[in-house]
């Protein structure tokens, strides 16, 4: 079992910044991709950004140039630096980790509990 603990959400004014963190712990041999998703009220959960094990990244068009995803492999932690925040960024943000429990075996996905980000004046 893998646990993901998220932190860093909150209330921020438009144009402000926040940094989200997500630390993974438990039965992990290796983490592959790590990502952030968000879900606004009444909407589906959408990909915000993802970072692979080699450091390559991919972003939703709506956050390109404003958000930066990074990871610390020694700490099994993924970060999301969010700048120039807009009201439409308001959502619950979830981290997702794709990992192996053993050197050989299936891949697993685990989700964080979610952290609320509210952008409002």
C-alpha atoms as a PDB file:
ATOM      1  CA  UNK A   1       0.000   0.000   0.000  1.00  0.00           C
ATOM      2  CA  UNK A   2       1.223   3.466  -0.901  1.00  0.00           C
ATOM      3  CA  UNK A   3       0.182   6.634   0.843  1.00  0.00           C
ATOM      4  CA  UNK A   4       0.274  10.068  -0.756  1.00  0.00           C
ATOM      5  CA  UNK A   5       0.213  13.124   1.471  1.00  0.00           C
ATOM      6  CA  UNK A   6      -0.523  16.439  -0.211  1.00  0.00           C
ATOM      7  CA  UNK A   7       0.030  19.902   1.170  1.00  0.00           C
ATOM      8  CA  UNK A   8       0.203  23.516   0.094  1.00  0.00           C
ATOM      9  CA  UNK A   9      -3.314  24.370  -0.995  1.00  0.00           C
ATOM     10  CA  UNK A  10      -5.213  27.407   0.203  1.00  0.00           C
ATOM     11  CA  UNK A  11      -6.793  30.723  -0.689  1.00  0.00           C
ATOM     12  CA  UNK A  12      -4.858  33.135  -2.881  1.00  0.00           C
ATOM     13  CA  UNK A  13      -5.681  36.316  -4.770  1.00  0.00           C
ATOM     14  CA  UNK A  14      -5.623  36.419  -8.568  1.00  0.00           C
ATOM     15  CA  UNK A  15      -2.062  36.804  -9.774  1.00  0.00           C
ATOM     16  CA  UNK A  16      -0.703  35.104  -6.685  1.00  0.00           C
ATOM     17  CA  UNK A  17       1.330  31.930  -6.266  1.00  0.00           C
ATOM     18  CA  UNK A  18       1.092  28.632  -4.443  1.00  0.00           C
ATOM     19  CA  UNK A  19       3.293  25.570  -4.217  1.00  0.00           C
ATOM     20  CA  UNK A  20       1.782  22.119  -3.824  1.00  0.00           C
ATOM     21  CA  UNK A  21       3.696  19.117  -2.526  1.00  0.00           C
ATOM     22  CA  UNK A  22       2.887  15.425  -2.582  1.00  0.00           C
ATOM     23  CA  UNK A  23       5.020  12.885  -0.724  1.00  0.00           C
ATOM     24  CA  UNK A  24       4.710   9.162  -1.406  1.00  0.00           C
ATOM     25  CA  UNK A  25       5.524   6.481   1.137  1.00  0.00           C
ATOM     26  CA  UNK A  26       4.966   2.768   1.552  1.00  0.00           C
ATOM     27  CA  UNK A  27       5.716  -0.270  -0.545  1.00  0.00           C
ATOM     28  CA  UNK A  28       7.565   1.361  -3.448  1.00  0.00           C
ATOM     29  CA  UNK A  29      10.351  -0.138  -5.539  1.00  0.00           C
ATOM     30  CA  UNK A  30      10.402   2.614  -8.131  1.00  0.00           C
ATOM     31  CA  UNK A  31       8.163   5.513  -9.076  1.00  0.00           C
ATOM     32  CA  UNK A  32       7.520   6.067 -12.764  1.00  0.00           C
ATOM     33  CA  UNK A  33       5.335   9.045 -13.676  1.00  0.00           C
ATOM     34  CA  UNK A  34       4.082  11.550 -11.119  1.00  0.00           C
ATOM     35  CA  UNK A  35       1.340  13.999 -11.912  1.00  0.00           C
ATOM     36  CA  UNK A  36      -1.166  16.561 -10.773  1.00  0.00           C
ATOM     37  CA  UNK A  37      -4.842  16.610 -11.705  1.00  0.00           C
ATOM     38  CA  UNK A  38      -7.618  18.978 -10.731  1.00  0.00           C
ATOM     39  CA  UNK A  39     -11.357  18.835 -10.435  1.00  0.00           C
ATOM     40  CA  UNK A  40     -13.616  21.850 -10.252  1.00  0.00           C
ATOM     41  CA  UNK A  41     -17.196  21.548  -8.935  1.00  0.00           C
ATOM     42  CA  UNK A  42     -19.439  19.840 -11.461  1.00  0.00           C
ATOM     43  CA  UNK A  43     -16.567  19.055 -13.799  1.00  0.00           C
ATOM     44  CA  UNK A  44     -14.435  16.021 -14.556  1.00  0.00           C
ATOM     45  CA  UNK A  45     -10.947  15.497 -13.192  1.00  0.00           C
ATOM     46  CA  UNK A  46      -8.395  16.788 -15.705  1.00  0.00           C
ATOM     47  CA  UNK A  47      -4.657  16.455 -16.065  1.00  0.00           C
ATOM     48  CA  UNK A  48      -2.704  19.561 -15.052  1.00  0.00           C
ATOM     49  CA  UNK A  49       0.883  18.371 -15.406  1.00  0.00           C
ATOM     50  CA  UNK A  50       2.891  15.168 -15.420  1.00  0.00           C
ATOM     51  CA  UNK A  51       6.592  14.401 -15.008  1.00  0.00           C
ATOM     52  CA  UNK A  52       8.162  11.119 -16.021  1.00  0.00           C
ATOM     53  CA  UNK A  53      11.027   9.288 -14.360  1.00  0.00           C
ATOM     54  CA  UNK A  54      13.508  10.846 -16.809  1.00  0.00           C
ATOM     55  CA  UNK A  55      12.279  14.347 -15.961  1.00  0.00           C
ATOM     56  CA  UNK A  56      10.310  15.032 -19.115  1.00  0.00           C
ATOM     57  CA  UNK A  57       7.162  17.046 -18.513  1.00  0.00           C
ATOM     58  CA  UNK A  58       3.794  17.653 -20.084  1.00  0.00           C
ATOM     59  CA  UNK A  59       1.277  20.381 -19.236  1.00  0.00           C
ATOM     60  CA  UNK A  60      -2.310  21.217 -19.945  1.00  0.00           C
ATOM     61  CA  UNK A  61      -2.501  24.132 -22.376  1.00  0.00           C
ATOM     62  CA  UNK A  62      -4.339  26.226 -19.790  1.00  0.00           C
ATOM     63  CA  UNK A  63      -1.384  26.200 -17.379  1.00  0.00           C
ATOM     64  CA  UNK A  64       1.615  26.301 -19.727  1.00  0.00           C
ATOM     65  CA  UNK A  65       3.987  29.097 -18.823  1.00  0.00           C
ATOM     66  CA  UNK A  66       2.402  29.545 -15.376  1.00  0.00           C
ATOM     67  CA  UNK A  67       2.788  26.178 -13.635  1.00  0.00           C
ATOM     68  CA  UNK A  68       5.941  24.125 -13.165  1.00  0.00           C
ATOM     69  CA  UNK A  69       6.041  20.494 -12.089  1.00  0.00           C
ATOM     70  CA  UNK A  70       9.160  19.007 -10.522  1.00  0.00           C
ATOM     71  CA  UNK A  71      10.142  15.986  -8.469  1.00  0.00           C
ATOM     72  CA  UNK A  72      12.664  14.940  -5.844  1.00  0.00           C
ATOM     73  CA  UNK A  73      13.328  11.249  -6.363  1.00  0.00           C
ATOM     74  CA  UNK A  74      15.263  10.911  -3.103  1.00  0.00           C
ATOM     75  CA  UNK A  75      12.177  12.062  -1.220  1.00  0.00           C
ATOM     76  CA  UNK A  76       9.562  10.437  -3.491  1.00  0.00           C
ATOM     77  CA  UNK A  77       7.961  13.847  -3.735  1.00  0.00           C
ATOM     78  CA  UNK A  78       6.378  15.779  -6.554  1.00  0.00           C
ATOM     79  CA  UNK A  79       5.796  19.538  -6.540  1.00  0.00           C
ATOM     80  CA  UNK A  80       3.594  21.920  -8.471  1.00  0.00           C
ATOM     81  CA  UNK A  81       4.653  25.548  -8.524  1.00  0.00           C
ATOM     82  CA  UNK A  82       1.681  27.671  -9.551  1.00  0.00           C
ATOM     83  CA  UNK A  83       2.176  31.294 -10.561  1.00  0.00           C
ATOM     84  CA  UNK A  84      -0.099  33.967 -12.027  1.00  0.00           C
ATOM     85  CA  UNK A  85      -3.083  32.140 -10.631  1.00  0.00           C
ATOM     86  CA  UNK A  86      -6.504  32.838 -12.093  1.00  0.00           C
ATOM     87  CA  UNK A  87      -9.998  32.286 -10.661  1.00  0.00           C
ATOM     88  CA  UNK A  88     -10.472  29.486 -13.192  1.00  0.00           C
ATOM     89  CA  UNK A  89      -7.640  27.592 -11.510  1.00  0.00           C
ATOM     90  CA  UNK A  90      -9.904  27.074  -8.513  1.00  0.00           C
ATOM     91  CA  UNK A  91     -10.330  23.339  -7.945  1.00  0.00           C
ATOM     92  CA  UNK A  92      -9.357  20.407  -5.785  1.00  0.00           C
ATOM     93  CA  UNK A  93      -5.893  19.319  -6.840  1.00  0.00           C
ATOM     94  CA  UNK A  94      -4.942  15.641  -6.680  1.00  0.00           C
ATOM     95  CA  UNK A  95      -1.535  14.062  -7.092  1.00  0.00           C
ATOM     96  CA  UNK A  96      -1.138  10.742  -8.841  1.00  0.00           C
ATOM     97  CA  UNK A  97       1.774   8.339  -8.758  1.00  0.00           C
ATOM     98  CA  UNK A  98       2.485   5.401 -11.045  1.00  0.00           C
ATOM     99  CA  UNK A  99       4.870   2.967  -9.384  1.00  0.00           C
ATOM    100  CA  UNK A 100       6.295  -0.521  -9.096  1.00  0.00           C
ATOM    101  CA  UNK A 101       6.201  -2.521  -5.862  1.00  0.00           C
ATOM    102  CA  UNK A 102       8.899  -4.906  -7.076  1.00  0.00           C
ATOM    103  CA  UNK A 103      11.585  -4.890  -9.768  1.00  0.00           C
ATOM    104  CA  UNK A 104       9.418  -7.180 -11.858  1.00  0.00           C
ATOM    105  CA  UNK A 105       5.667  -6.924 -11.686  1.00  0.00           C
ATOM    106  CA  UNK A 106       2.663  -4.787 -12.520  1.00  0.00           C
ATOM    107  CA  UNK A 107       2.455  -1.028 -12.290  1.00  0.00           C
ATOM    108  CA  UNK A 108       0.100   0.575  -9.810  1.00  0.00           C
ATOM    109  CA  UNK A 109      -1.584   3.955  -9.539  1.00  0.00           C
ATOM    110  CA  UNK A 110      -2.276   5.776  -6.331  1.00  0.00           C
ATOM    111  CA  UNK A 111      -4.142   9.038  -5.676  1.00  0.00           C
ATOM    112  CA  UNK A 112      -3.704  11.663  -3.011  1.00  0.00           C
ATOM    113  CA  UNK A 113      -6.589  12.868  -0.883  1.00  0.00           C
ATOM    114  CA  UNK A 114      -6.804  16.190  -2.692  1.00  0.00           C
ATOM    115  CA  UNK A 115      -6.038  19.736  -1.620  1.00  0.00           C
ATOM    116  CA  UNK A 116      -8.278  22.726  -2.247  1.00  0.00           C
ATOM    117  CA  UNK A 117      -6.929  25.673  -4.223  1.00  0.00           C
ATOM    118  CA  UNK A 118      -9.148  28.752  -4.299  1.00  0.00           C
ATOM    119  CA  UNK A 119      -8.238  31.818  -6.333  1.00  0.00           C
ATOM    120  CA  UNK A 120     -10.405  34.752  -5.378  1.00  0.00           C
ATOM    121  CA  UNK A 121     -10.188  38.397  -4.416  1.00  0.00           C
END
